[in-house]
Amino acid sequence: MHECTNRMQEEGSDELLLGQHELSGSSLELLLADRLRLGRRVRLLSVFECGLAALAPQLERFRGLAVAVLLANNNALTDLRPLAEAWGGTLTRLYVASNALTTAEGLQRLPLLQRADLSRNRLAELPEPLPAQLERLDVHGNELASLPSSLSLLSRLERLGLHGNRPLRQLPPLAALGRLTHLSCSFCGLARLEALPLSLESLRCEGNRLTALELAALPALRRLEARDNRLPALDVSACAALQTLGCADNRLARPPEGLLRLPLLRSVALAGNPELPDKIRADWAAEEMPALREALRLLERVEEARSALAQLQQQL
């Protein structure tokens, strides 16, 4: 709520912040009359935590106004279609987190939509097609089992929040999303992740069933959180920008490949990998990076010595 309000204030746009008192009393008439008398457009309409189960009859009066941002989190809304009918031609940001939505029908009728937060609802699917102008889409904490194919076509998408959709087993191809920098798909039951975009800077995929993770095509990656999966190995050699690496509670038998060649690395989580050597099986903070690097160099020398001994034994 504060992010939306502050941004609209900075842009000098009109706001109408309504509570339960305004919606149930005569003050709404005065607020509306004031906006209309001054000829102002309502750029931000907030009905945050007002107990609404539907587009309240009082809000029907705002249909003629150009509402660009609707903040309706923490209500009991079950249907987006009335909102699309009211402001389908003007709405650019929609915040309807923590409602009772079981369907997102109506979303496809918001062609100007750039940001949508539908998190913490009861959605089992998303409609086709998704609005082509979307830059941020957050649907975490729902019950999505699949994603629409049009997601792969959202060329403006920068952030995608999918975490906590337990039935979700597979993502559509995302490689063509050239602006996507943040992807969160933790705790979704995913068995694999593939065809990720080169632009990705942050990838959160904790708590899935991943047995492999291909990172060679992610040179911009700065943060990787892959805890609590089933990874037997990990290669971060191509991730020169990596600063944070979380791969605790996996099945790593060796340190991640290329770890010593990451100059910007500030934290590494390796605890909970029972097959790793004791000296590195821990979580390492920024001030502990020199100690980790020294332990990795020592392991490399030990491996080199073992390899040389094995070759010598073969020659004999």
Protein backbone atom coordinates (compact mmCIF):
# COMPACT_ATOMS: atom_id res chain seq x y z
CA MET A 1 0.00 0.00 0.00
CA HIS A 2 2.69 2.49 0.98
CA GLU A 3 4.74 1.82 -2.17
CA CYS A 4 1.74 2.61 -4.36
CA THR A 5 0.71 5.70 -2.40
CA ASN A 6 4.21 7.16 -2.21
CA ARG A 7 4.82 6.69 -5.94
CA MET A 8 1.55 8.36 -6.87
CA GLN A 9 2.31 11.27 -4.55
CA GLU A 10 5.70 11.74 -6.21
CA GLU A 11 4.02 11.86 -9.61
CA GLY A 12 1.61 14.54 -8.38
CA SER A 13 -1.46 12.47 -9.20
CA ASP A 14 -4.81 12.50 -7.42
CA GLU A 15 -5.57 9.86 -4.85
CA LEU A 16 -8.75 8.64 -3.25
CA LEU A 17 -8.09 6.51 -0.19
CA LEU A 18 -11.29 4.99 1.15
CA GLY A 19 -11.91 3.05 4.33
CA GLN A 20 -14.94 1.23 5.65
CA HIS A 21 -16.24 4.48 7.14
CA GLU A 22 -16.21 6.33 3.82
CA LEU A 23 -17.80 3.44 1.97
CA SER A 24 -20.64 3.13 4.44
CA GLY A 25 -21.29 6.80 5.13
CA SER A 26 -22.36 9.96 3.32
CA SER A 27 -18.78 11.25 3.14
CA LEU A 28 -18.30 9.29 -0.08
CA GLU A 29 -20.76 11.62 -1.81
CA LEU A 30 -18.72 14.62 -0.72
CA LEU A 31 -15.44 13.06 -1.84
CA LEU A 32 -16.84 12.17 -5.23
CA ALA A 33 -18.48 15.58 -5.69
CA ASP A 34 -15.17 17.27 -4.88
CA ARG A 35 -13.30 15.27 -7.50
CA LEU A 36 -15.90 15.92 -10.15
CA ARG A 37 -16.24 19.63 -9.30
CA LEU A 38 -12.50 20.18 -9.64
CA GLY A 39 -12.34 18.08 -12.77
CA ARG A 40 -9.68 15.82 -11.33
CA ARG A 41 -9.05 12.28 -12.41
CA VAL A 42 -8.77 9.65 -9.68
CA ARG A 43 -5.41 8.12 -10.48
CA LEU A 44 -5.14 5.99 -7.33
CA LEU A 45 -8.24 4.44 -5.80
CA SER A 46 -7.60 2.55 -2.56
CA VAL A 47 -10.17 0.32 -0.87
CA PHE A 48 -7.52 -1.53 1.15
CA GLU A 49 -8.94 -3.81 3.85
CA CYS A 50 -12.52 -2.60 3.54
CA GLY A 51 -14.24 -5.99 3.83
CA LEU A 52 -15.46 -5.90 0.22
CA ALA A 53 -16.80 -9.15 -1.24
CA ALA A 54 -17.60 -7.48 -4.57
CA LEU A 55 -17.37 -4.15 -6.32
CA ALA A 56 -19.48 -2.26 -3.82
CA PRO A 57 -22.55 -0.39 -5.16
CA GLN A 58 -20.98 2.85 -4.00
CA LEU A 59 -17.99 2.32 -6.27
CA GLU A 60 -20.23 2.05 -9.33
CA ARG A 61 -20.19 5.86 -9.34
CA PHE A 62 -16.49 5.84 -10.19
CA ARG A 63 -16.97 3.98 -13.46
CA GLY A 64 -16.74 7.21 -15.44
CA LEU A 65 -13.44 8.23 -13.86
CA ALA A 66 -10.02 7.23 -15.19
CA VAL A 67 -8.67 5.03 -12.40
CA ALA A 68 -5.10 4.00 -13.19
CA VAL A 69 -4.17 2.22 -9.96
CA LEU A 70 -6.54 0.13 -7.87
CA LEU A 71 -5.38 -0.97 -4.42
CA ALA A 72 -7.83 -3.56 -3.10
CA ASN A 73 -5.69 -5.91 -1.02
CA ASN A 74 -7.03 -7.67 2.07
CA ASN A 75 -10.68 -7.84 1.12
CA ALA A 76 -12.93 -10.79 0.19
CA LEU A 77 -13.24 -10.18 -3.56
CA THR A 78 -14.19 -13.23 -5.63
CA ASP A 79 -14.47 -11.75 -9.14
CA LEU A 80 -12.29 -9.41 -11.21
CA ARG A 81 -14.75 -8.95 -14.07
CA PRO A 82 -16.61 -5.97 -12.53
CA LEU A 83 -13.26 -4.20 -12.09
CA ALA A 84 -12.37 -4.86 -15.72
CA GLU A 85 -15.75 -3.53 -16.84
CA ALA A 86 -15.32 -0.40 -14.75
CA TRP A 87 -11.71 0.53 -15.62
CA GLY A 88 -10.60 -1.83 -18.38
CA GLY A 89 -9.46 1.08 -20.54
CA THR A 90 -7.45 2.93 -17.89
CA LEU A 91 -6.11 0.51 -15.28
CA THR A 92 -2.31 0.11 -15.33
CA ARG A 93 -1.75 -1.37 -11.86
CA LEU A 94 -3.94 -3.82 -10.00
CA TYR A 95 -3.30 -4.93 -6.41
CA VAL A 96 -5.77 -7.57 -5.22
CA ALA A 97 -3.60 -9.70 -2.92
CA SER A 98 -5.17 -11.59 -0.02
CA ASN A 99 -8.69 -11.81 -1.34
CA ALA A 100 -10.89 -14.85 -2.12
CA LEU A 101 -10.38 -15.05 -5.88
CA THR A 102 -10.88 -18.50 -7.39
CA THR A 103 -10.73 -17.16 -10.95
CA ALA A 104 -8.78 -14.36 -12.63
CA GLU A 105 -11.26 -13.98 -15.49
CA GLY A 106 -11.31 -10.32 -16.46
CA LEU A 107 -7.55 -9.96 -16.29
CA GLN A 108 -7.30 -10.43 -20.07
CA ARG A 109 -9.62 -7.43 -20.50
CA LEU A 110 -7.07 -5.01 -19.02
CA PRO A 111 -4.88 -4.23 -22.06
CA LEU A 112 -2.92 -1.41 -20.36
CA LEU A 113 -2.06 -3.38 -17.22
CA GLN A 114 1.65 -3.15 -16.30
CA ARG A 115 1.67 -4.50 -12.75
CA ALA A 116 -0.61 -7.12 -11.24
CA ASP A 117 -0.50 -8.57 -7.73
CA LEU A 118 -2.91 -11.48 -7.33
CA SER A 119 -0.94 -13.23 -4.62
CA ARG A 120 -2.43 -15.15 -1.70
CA ASN A 121 -5.75 -16.01 -3.33
CA ARG A 122 -7.22 -19.37 -4.42
CA LEU A 123 -6.42 -19.31 -8.12
CA ALA A 124 -6.11 -22.65 -9.90
CA GLU A 125 -5.42 -21.12 -13.33
CA LEU A 126 -4.83 -17.84 -15.14
CA PRO A 127 -6.79 -16.74 -18.22
CA GLU A 128 -5.51 -16.50 -21.80
CA PRO A 129 -4.12 -14.22 -23.03
CA LEU A 130 -2.31 -12.36 -20.29
CA PRO A 131 -2.08 -8.56 -20.80
CA ALA A 132 0.80 -7.93 -23.19
CA GLN A 133 2.05 -4.82 -21.33
CA LEU A 134 2.75 -6.63 -18.05
CA GLU A 135 6.04 -5.71 -16.40
CA ARG A 136 5.45 -7.32 -13.01
CA LEU A 137 3.22 -10.29 -12.23
CA ASP A 138 2.91 -11.73 -8.74
CA VAL A 139 0.71 -14.80 -8.28
CA HIS A 140 2.52 -16.44 -5.36
CA GLY A 141 0.61 -18.31 -2.71
CA ASN A 142 -2.14 -19.63 -4.98
CA GLU A 143 -3.04 -23.13 -6.23
CA LEU A 144 -1.82 -22.88 -9.83
CA ALA A 145 -1.14 -26.23 -11.49
CA SER A 146 -0.12 -24.74 -14.85
CA LEU A 147 0.60 -21.39 -16.48
CA PRO A 148 -0.84 -19.93 -19.69
CA SER A 149 1.29 -20.22 -22.82
CA SER A 150 0.97 -16.47 -23.35
CA LEU A 151 3.33 -15.98 -20.39
CA SER A 152 6.17 -16.82 -22.79
CA LEU A 153 5.20 -13.84 -24.96
CA LEU A 154 5.34 -11.11 -22.28
CA SER A 155 8.33 -9.27 -23.74
CA ARG A 156 8.10 -6.45 -21.15
CA LEU A 157 8.01 -8.71 -18.09
CA GLU A 158 10.70 -7.88 -15.51
CA ARG A 159 9.56 -9.68 -12.35
CA LEU A 160 7.61 -12.91 -11.98
CA GLY A 161 6.51 -14.28 -8.59
CA LEU A 162 5.27 -17.87 -8.61
CA HIS A 163 6.47 -19.23 -5.26
CA GLY A 164 4.15 -21.28 -3.10
CA ASN A 165 2.02 -22.75 -5.89
CA ARG A 166 2.44 -26.33 -4.71
CA PRO A 167 0.62 -28.03 -7.63
CA LEU A 168 2.86 -26.31 -10.21
CA ARG A 169 5.13 -28.91 -11.81
CA GLN A 170 6.45 -27.17 -14.93
CA LEU A 171 7.09 -23.66 -16.26
CA PRO A 172 6.51 -22.62 -19.87
CA PRO A 173 9.62 -21.58 -21.84
CA LEU A 174 10.89 -18.27 -20.52
CA ALA A 175 14.04 -17.81 -22.62
CA ALA A 176 12.39 -15.21 -24.88
CA LEU A 177 11.60 -12.89 -21.96
CA GLY A 178 14.56 -10.58 -22.57
CA ARG A 179 13.72 -8.17 -19.74
CA LEU A 180 13.03 -10.70 -16.98
CA THR A 181 15.48 -10.06 -14.12
CA HIS A 182 13.73 -11.63 -11.11
CA LEU A 183 12.12 -15.07 -11.04
CA SER A 184 10.80 -16.64 -7.85
CA CYS A 185 9.50 -20.19 -8.19
CA SER A 186 10.28 -21.66 -4.78
CA PHE A 187 8.15 -24.36 -3.17
CA CYS A 188 6.30 -25.31 -6.33
CA GLY A 189 7.21 -28.98 -6.76
CA LEU A 190 9.25 -28.32 -9.92
CA ALA A 191 11.35 -31.23 -11.17
CA ARG A 192 13.32 -29.14 -13.67
CA LEU A 193 14.07 -25.61 -14.78
CA GLU A 194 15.15 -24.98 -18.34
CA ALA A 195 15.20 -22.32 -21.04
CA LEU A 196 15.76 -19.39 -18.66
CA PRO A 197 16.45 -15.89 -20.05
CA LEU A 198 19.95 -14.41 -20.28
CA SER A 199 18.74 -11.29 -18.46
CA LEU A 200 18.01 -13.11 -15.19
CA GLU A 201 19.68 -11.52 -12.15
CA SER A 202 17.85 -13.25 -9.31
CA LEU A 203 16.60 -16.83 -9.27
CA ARG A 204 14.82 -18.29 -6.25
CA CYS A 205 13.97 -21.96 -6.63
CA GLU A 206 14.17 -23.33 -3.09
CA GLY A 207 12.10 -26.26 -1.92
CA ASN A 208 11.50 -27.96 -5.25
CA ARG A 209 12.53 -31.39 -6.62
CA LEU A 210 15.35 -30.22 -8.87
CA THR A 211 18.02 -32.79 -9.74
CA ALA A 212 19.85 -30.52 -12.20
CA LEU A 213 20.19 -26.80 -12.76
CA GLU A 214 21.71 -25.38 -15.94
CA LEU A 215 23.34 -22.00 -15.31
CA ALA A 216 25.67 -21.67 -18.30
CA ALA A 217 23.33 -19.22 -20.02
CA LEU A 218 22.93 -16.87 -17.03
CA PRO A 219 25.90 -14.46 -17.08
CA ALA A 220 23.96 -11.68 -15.31
CA LEU A 221 22.88 -13.84 -12.36
CA ARG A 222 23.69 -12.12 -9.05
CA ARG A 223 21.61 -14.20 -6.65
CA LEU A 224 20.79 -17.91 -6.70
CA GLU A 225 18.73 -19.51 -3.94
CA ALA A 226 18.43 -23.25 -4.56
CA ARG A 227 18.23 -24.67 -1.05
CA ASP A 228 16.30 -27.82 -0.26
CA ASN A 229 16.37 -29.55 -3.63
CA ARG A 230 18.00 -32.80 -4.85
CA LEU A 231 21.01 -31.40 -6.68
CA PRO A 232 23.98 -33.82 -6.84
CA ALA A 233 26.18 -31.23 -8.58
CA LEU A 234 26.20 -27.56 -9.53
CA ASP A 235 28.32 -25.60 -12.01
CA VAL A 236 28.51 -21.82 -11.46
CA SER A 237 31.56 -21.24 -13.68
CA ALA A 238 29.65 -19.01 -16.12
CA CYS A 239 28.04 -16.86 -13.40
CA ALA A 240 30.75 -14.21 -13.03
CA ALA A 241 28.33 -11.69 -11.48
CA LEU A 242 27.15 -14.06 -8.72
CA GLN A 243 27.15 -12.55 -5.23
CA THR A 244 24.85 -14.83 -3.24
CA LEU A 245 24.71 -18.61 -3.61
CA GLY A 246 22.32 -20.70 -1.54
CA CYS A 247 22.57 -24.43 -2.18
CA ALA A 248 22.25 -25.88 1.33
CA ASP A 249 20.26 -29.05 1.99
CA ASN A 250 20.95 -30.70 -1.35
CA ARG A 251 22.95 -33.81 -2.33
CA LEU A 252 26.18 -32.15 -3.45
CA ALA A 253 29.12 -34.53 -3.44
CA ARG A 254 31.60 -31.83 -4.47
CA PRO A 255 31.79 -28.04 -4.05
CA PRO A 256 30.01 -26.18 -6.86
CA GLU A 257 32.23 -26.07 -9.93
CA GLY A 258 33.85 -22.68 -10.53
CA LEU A 259 33.28 -21.36 -7.02
CA LEU A 260 36.85 -20.11 -6.75
CA ARG A 261 36.50 -18.04 -9.92
CA LEU A 262 33.66 -15.80 -8.70
CA PRO A 263 35.24 -12.49 -7.62
CA LEU A 264 32.02 -10.84 -6.38
CA LEU A 265 30.80 -13.69 -4.17
CA ARG A 266 29.70 -12.48 -0.74
CA SER A 267 27.80 -15.39 0.80
CA VAL A 268 27.59 -19.14 0.20
CA ALA A 269 25.28 -21.66 1.90
CA LEU A 270 26.60 -25.24 1.76
CA ALA A 271 25.27 -26.69 5.02
CA GLY A 272 23.08 -29.76 4.89
CA ASN A 273 25.00 -31.50 2.08
CA PRO A 274 26.16 -34.62 3.95
CA GLU A 275 28.64 -35.78 1.28
CA LEU A 276 30.63 -32.53 1.22
CA PRO A 277 33.89 -32.37 3.18
CA ASP A 278 33.44 -31.17 6.75
CA LYS A 279 35.68 -28.14 6.22
CA ILE A 280 33.30 -26.49 3.75
CA ARG A 281 29.92 -27.96 4.79
CA ALA A 282 28.64 -24.74 6.37
CA ASP A 283 27.05 -21.39 5.59
CA TRP A 284 29.68 -18.75 4.80
CA ALA A 285 29.15 -14.99 5.26
CA ALA A 286 31.04 -12.19 3.50
CA GLU A 287 33.78 -11.90 6.13
CA GLU A 288 34.37 -15.67 5.89
CA MET A 289 34.98 -15.73 2.13
CA PRO A 290 38.82 -15.76 2.49
CA ALA A 291 38.58 -18.84 4.72
CA LEU A 292 36.26 -20.58 2.27
CA ARG A 293 38.55 -19.83 -0.66
CA GLU A 294 41.52 -21.21 1.24
CA ALA A 295 39.58 -24.39 2.10
CA LEU A 296 38.58 -24.80 -1.55
CA ARG A 297 42.18 -24.35 -2.73
CA LEU A 298 43.29 -26.99 -0.24
CA LEU A 299 40.65 -29.40 -1.52
CA GLU A 300 41.78 -28.73 -5.09
CA ARG A 301 45.39 -29.56 -4.17
CA VAL A 302 44.27 -32.76 -2.46
CA GLU A 303 42.27 -33.76 -5.54
CA GLU A 304 45.24 -33.00 -7.80
CA ALA A 305 47.51 -35.13 -5.61
CA ARG A 306 45.06 -38.01 -5.66
CA SER A 307 44.74 -37.78 -9.43
CA ALA A 308 48.52 -37.75 -9.88
CA LEU A 309 48.88 -40.77 -7.57
CA ALA A 310 46.20 -42.68 -9.50
CA GLN A 311 48.01 -42.01 -12.79
CA LEU A 312 51.31 -43.12 -11.29
CA GLN A 313 49.76 -46.34 -10.04
CA GLN A 314 48.37 -47.06 -13.52
CA GLN A 315 51.82 -46.59 -15.06
CA LEU A 316 53.32 -48.99 -12.60
